[in-house]
Structures are given as structure tokens and as C-alpha cells.
Amino acid sequence: MTPEDFTELFLKGNHDAILTHRRNMLGEYSLVGAGVVSDGGAHYATQLFSF
């Protein structure tokens, strides 16, 4: 599952996930997600990622 897939499922509301904003050393913000999302049948345990 890619971050894009995760975002699509998250925005559809099929999720039990945590999204937070993280700041890097350049002062830029990135979205960091970790949790479990469902596509209507399968559940995916997602790793921590940023995008």
C-alpha cells in the first residue's frame, strides 16, 4: 500500500488511523500516518510513512 492509497482510503472514512503533522529540519511540514485502513474487506496494517 502506498501513501496515496492510504490517503484515498483515509479520506473515504475507512480508517482507524492516526495522522499527525511533523516538521523537518528545513521547517517544512509533512503528513505522517500510521494505523490500519480498510478497503471494504481487507485490512492493511500500515507502516509509519511521510508524504
C-alpha atoms as a PDB file:
ATOM      1  CA  MET A   1       0.000   0.000   0.000  1.00  0.00           C
ATOM      2  CA  THR A   2       1.362   3.381  -0.984  1.00  0.00           C
ATOM      3  CA  PRO A   3       0.854   6.636   0.898  1.00  0.00           C
ATOM      4  CA  GLU A   4      -1.513   7.656  -1.897  1.00  0.00           C
ATOM      5  CA  ASP A   5      -3.626   4.535  -1.351  1.00  0.00           C
ATOM      6  CA  PHE A   6      -3.666   5.228   2.361  1.00  0.00           C
ATOM      7  CA  THR A   7      -4.735   8.822   1.807  1.00  0.00           C
ATOM      8  CA  GLU A   8      -7.536   7.792  -0.566  1.00  0.00           C
ATOM      9  CA  LEU A   9      -8.927   5.266   1.903  1.00  0.00           C
ATOM     10  CA  PHE A  10      -8.490   7.659   4.801  1.00  0.00           C
ATOM     11  CA  LEU A  11     -10.395  10.404   3.013  1.00  0.00           C
ATOM     12  CA  LYS A  12     -13.191   7.944   2.274  1.00  0.00           C
ATOM     13  CA  GLY A  13     -13.523   7.428   6.012  1.00  0.00           C
ATOM     14  CA  ASN A  14     -12.492   3.766   6.024  1.00  0.00           C
ATOM     15  CA  HIS A  15      -9.899   4.073   8.691  1.00  0.00           C
ATOM     16  CA  ASP A  16      -8.776   3.684  12.215  1.00  0.00           C
ATOM     17  CA  ALA A  17      -5.654   5.722  11.861  1.00  0.00           C
ATOM     18  CA  ILE A  18      -3.628   8.496  13.325  1.00  0.00           C
ATOM     19  CA  LEU A  19      -2.379  11.364  11.195  1.00  0.00           C
ATOM     20  CA  THR A  20      -0.084  13.998  12.562  1.00  0.00           C
ATOM     21  CA  HIS A  21       1.984  16.786  11.126  1.00  0.00           C
ATOM     22  CA  ARG A  22       5.727  16.616  11.517  1.00  0.00           C
ATOM     23  CA  ARG A  23       8.238  19.334  10.876  1.00  0.00           C
ATOM     24  CA  ASN A  24      11.578  18.501   9.348  1.00  0.00           C
ATOM     25  CA  MET A  25      14.861  20.336   9.807  1.00  0.00           C
ATOM     26  CA  LEU A  26      14.048  22.670   6.916  1.00  0.00           C
ATOM     27  CA  GLY A  27      10.867  23.789   8.618  1.00  0.00           C
ATOM     28  CA  GLU A  28       8.649  22.042   6.088  1.00  0.00           C
ATOM     29  CA  TYR A  29       5.626  20.144   7.258  1.00  0.00           C
ATOM     30  CA  SER A  30       4.821  16.642   6.136  1.00  0.00           C
ATOM     31  CA  LEU A  31       1.854  14.420   6.844  1.00  0.00           C
ATOM     32  CA  VAL A  32       2.739  11.311   8.806  1.00  0.00           C
ATOM     33  CA  GLY A  33       0.359   8.408   9.073  1.00  0.00           C
ATOM     34  CA  ALA A  34       0.286   5.149  10.937  1.00  0.00           C
ATOM     35  CA  GLY A  35      -2.626   2.865  11.583  1.00  0.00           C
ATOM     36  CA  VAL A  36      -4.999   0.471   9.954  1.00  0.00           C
ATOM     37  CA  VAL A  37      -7.237   1.188   6.996  1.00  0.00           C
ATOM     38  CA  SER A  38      -9.861  -0.964   5.321  1.00  0.00           C
ATOM     39  CA  ASP A  39     -10.784  -1.067   1.643  1.00  0.00           C
ATOM     40  CA  GLY A  40     -14.118  -2.684   2.384  1.00  0.00           C
ATOM     41  CA  GLY A  41     -12.851  -6.161   3.090  1.00  0.00           C
ATOM     42  CA  ALA A  42      -9.140  -6.373   3.580  1.00  0.00           C
ATOM     43  CA  HIS A  43      -7.381  -4.563   6.367  1.00  0.00           C
ATOM     44  CA  TYR A  44      -3.894  -3.213   5.945  1.00  0.00           C
ATOM     45  CA  ALA A  45      -1.511  -2.574   8.773  1.00  0.00           C
ATOM     46  CA  THR A  46       0.407   0.436   7.600  1.00  0.00           C
ATOM     47  CA  GLN A  47       3.929   1.346   8.458  1.00  0.00           C
ATOM     48  CA  LEU A  48       4.926   4.802   9.550  1.00  0.00           C
ATOM     49  CA  PHE A  49       5.469   6.953   6.488  1.00  0.00           C
ATOM     50  CA  SER A  50       5.510  10.565   5.494  1.00  0.00           C
ATOM     51  CA  PHE A  51       4.353  12.255   2.323  1.00  0.00           C
END
